Amino acid sequence: MKKIFISHNTQDKVVADIFVDFLIAVGIPRNEIFCSSLPGNNVRENITAEIRERV
């Protein structure tokens, strides 16, 4: 499964939250979005191997 990965500076959290809300509003399921500031998304533990390999 492909995911949308949103990584951002903590100062940009408001913008990232707006973007996540937009993606959900246009029909992208929440479970297909990984935003580093969303609750439960511990970047150090939950980034998939695929993303780690591509960064």
N, C-alpha and C. Protein backbone atom coordinates (compact mmCIF):
# COMPACT_ATOMS: atom_id res chain seq x y z
N MET A 1 0.84 -1.17 0.00
CA MET A 1 0.00 0.00 0.00
C MET A 1 0.89 1.24 0.00
N LYS A 2 0.58 2.19 -0.84
CA LYS A 2 1.29 3.47 -0.88
C LYS A 2 0.68 4.40 0.14
N LYS A 3 1.49 5.23 0.74
CA LYS A 3 1.02 6.23 1.69
C LYS A 3 1.52 7.60 1.27
N ILE A 4 0.78 8.60 1.68
CA ILE A 4 1.23 9.97 1.52
C ILE A 4 2.01 10.31 2.78
N PHE A 5 3.25 10.71 2.61
CA PHE A 5 4.14 11.00 3.73
C PHE A 5 4.33 12.51 3.83
N ILE A 6 3.94 13.08 4.96
CA ILE A 6 4.07 14.51 5.19
C ILE A 6 5.00 14.71 6.38
N SER A 7 6.17 15.24 6.10
CA SER A 7 7.12 15.55 7.16
C SER A 7 7.31 17.05 7.16
N HIS A 8 7.34 17.63 8.34
CA HIS A 8 7.40 19.09 8.41
C HIS A 8 8.06 19.53 9.70
N ASN A 9 8.45 20.78 9.72
CA ASN A 9 9.01 21.41 10.90
C ASN A 9 7.88 21.66 11.89
N THR A 10 8.16 21.60 13.17
CA THR A 10 7.11 21.81 14.17
C THR A 10 6.46 23.18 14.03
N GLN A 11 7.19 24.15 13.51
CA GLN A 11 6.62 25.48 13.31
C GLN A 11 5.54 25.48 12.22
N ASP A 12 5.52 24.47 11.39
CA ASP A 12 4.55 24.38 10.30
C ASP A 12 3.40 23.43 10.60
N LYS A 13 3.22 23.06 11.86
CA LYS A 13 2.19 22.09 12.22
C LYS A 13 0.80 22.54 11.77
N VAL A 14 0.48 23.81 11.92
CA VAL A 14 -0.85 24.30 11.53
C VAL A 14 -1.07 24.09 10.03
N VAL A 15 -0.07 24.39 9.23
CA VAL A 15 -0.18 24.21 7.78
C VAL A 15 -0.33 22.72 7.45
N ALA A 16 0.46 21.89 8.11
CA ALA A 16 0.38 20.44 7.87
C ALA A 16 -1.00 19.91 8.25
N ASP A 17 -1.56 20.38 9.36
CA ASP A 17 -2.90 19.94 9.77
C ASP A 17 -3.95 20.35 8.75
N ILE A 18 -3.84 21.56 8.21
CA ILE A 18 -4.78 22.01 7.18
C ILE A 18 -4.65 21.13 5.94
N PHE A 19 -3.43 20.80 5.57
CA PHE A 19 -3.20 19.96 4.39
C PHE A 19 -3.79 18.56 4.60
N VAL A 20 -3.59 17.99 5.78
CA VAL A 20 -4.17 16.67 6.08
C VAL A 20 -5.70 16.74 6.00
N ASP A 21 -6.30 17.76 6.57
CA ASP A 21 -7.75 17.92 6.50
C ASP A 21 -8.22 18.01 5.05
N PHE A 22 -7.46 18.73 4.22
CA PHE A 22 -7.80 18.84 2.80
C PHE A 22 -7.75 17.47 2.12
N LEU A 23 -6.69 16.73 2.36
CA LEU A 23 -6.56 15.41 1.73
C LEU A 23 -7.72 14.49 2.12
N ILE A 24 -8.08 14.53 3.37
CA ILE A 24 -9.22 13.71 3.83
C ILE A 24 -10.51 14.18 3.17
N ALA A 25 -10.69 15.50 3.05
CA ALA A 25 -11.90 16.06 2.44
C ALA A 25 -12.05 15.66 0.97
N VAL A 26 -10.92 15.47 0.28
CA VAL A 26 -11.00 15.08 -1.14
C VAL A 26 -11.04 13.57 -1.33
N GLY A 27 -11.13 12.84 -0.22
CA GLY A 27 -11.38 11.41 -0.32
C GLY A 27 -10.23 10.48 -0.05
N ILE A 28 -9.11 11.00 0.39
CA ILE A 28 -7.99 10.12 0.72
C ILE A 28 -8.20 9.61 2.14
N PRO A 29 -8.24 8.29 2.31
CA PRO A 29 -8.46 7.74 3.65
C PRO A 29 -7.36 8.13 4.63
N ARG A 30 -7.74 8.41 5.85
CA ARG A 30 -6.81 8.83 6.89
C ARG A 30 -5.68 7.83 7.08
N ASN A 31 -5.98 6.55 6.93
CA ASN A 31 -4.94 5.53 7.15
C ASN A 31 -3.92 5.48 6.01
N GLU A 32 -4.13 6.25 4.95
CA GLU A 32 -3.15 6.34 3.86
C GLU A 32 -2.30 7.60 3.96
N ILE A 33 -2.46 8.34 5.04
CA ILE A 33 -1.70 9.57 5.25
C ILE A 33 -0.82 9.40 6.48
N PHE A 34 0.45 9.62 6.32
CA PHE A 34 1.37 9.62 7.46
C PHE A 34 1.91 11.03 7.60
N CYS A 35 1.46 11.72 8.63
CA CYS A 35 1.94 13.07 8.91
C CYS A 35 2.70 13.00 10.23
N SER A 36 3.91 13.48 10.21
CA SER A 36 4.79 13.30 11.37
C SER A 36 4.25 13.89 12.67
N SER A 37 3.33 14.84 12.60
CA SER A 37 2.84 15.44 13.84
C SER A 37 1.52 14.87 14.34
N LEU A 38 0.91 13.98 13.59
CA LEU A 38 -0.36 13.42 14.03
C LEU A 38 -0.14 12.45 15.18
N PRO A 39 -1.07 12.42 16.12
CA PRO A 39 -0.93 11.48 17.25
C PRO A 39 -0.74 10.04 16.78
N GLY A 40 0.17 9.35 17.41
CA GLY A 40 0.42 7.96 17.08
C GLY A 40 1.46 7.76 15.99
N ASN A 41 1.89 8.83 15.37
CA ASN A 41 2.88 8.71 14.30
C ASN A 41 4.27 9.05 14.82
N ASN A 42 4.81 8.16 15.60
CA ASN A 42 6.16 8.34 16.10
C ASN A 42 7.11 8.11 14.93
N VAL A 43 7.69 9.18 14.44
CA VAL A 43 8.51 9.10 13.24
C VAL A 43 9.65 8.10 13.39
N ARG A 44 10.26 8.08 14.54
CA ARG A 44 11.40 7.17 14.72
C ARG A 44 10.98 5.70 14.72
N GLU A 45 9.74 5.40 15.07
CA GLU A 45 9.30 4.01 15.16
C GLU A 45 8.39 3.59 14.01
N ASN A 46 7.63 4.51 13.44
CA ASN A 46 6.57 4.11 12.51
C ASN A 46 6.82 4.40 11.04
N ILE A 47 7.98 4.90 10.69
CA ILE A 47 8.26 5.11 9.28
C ILE A 47 8.58 3.75 8.66
N THR A 48 7.91 3.47 7.56
CA THR A 48 8.12 2.17 6.93
C THR A 48 9.52 2.07 6.34
N ALA A 49 9.97 0.86 6.14
CA ALA A 49 11.29 0.63 5.55
C ALA A 49 11.37 1.26 4.16
N GLU A 50 10.27 1.23 3.42
CA GLU A 50 10.26 1.81 2.07
C GLU A 50 10.59 3.30 2.12
N ILE A 51 10.00 4.01 3.07
CA ILE A 51 10.26 5.45 3.17
C ILE A 51 11.70 5.68 3.63
N ARG A 52 12.16 4.93 4.59
CA ARG A 52 13.54 5.08 5.06
C ARG A 52 14.53 4.89 3.93
N GLU A 53 14.27 3.92 3.06
CA GLU A 53 15.17 3.63 1.97
C GLU A 53 15.18 4.72 0.91
N ARG A 54 14.07 5.46 0.79
CA ARG A 54 13.98 6.47 -0.26
C ARG A 54 14.40 7.87 0.19
N VAL A 55 14.60 8.05 1.49
CA VAL A 55 14.96 9.38 1.99
C VAL A 55 16.44 9.59 1.89
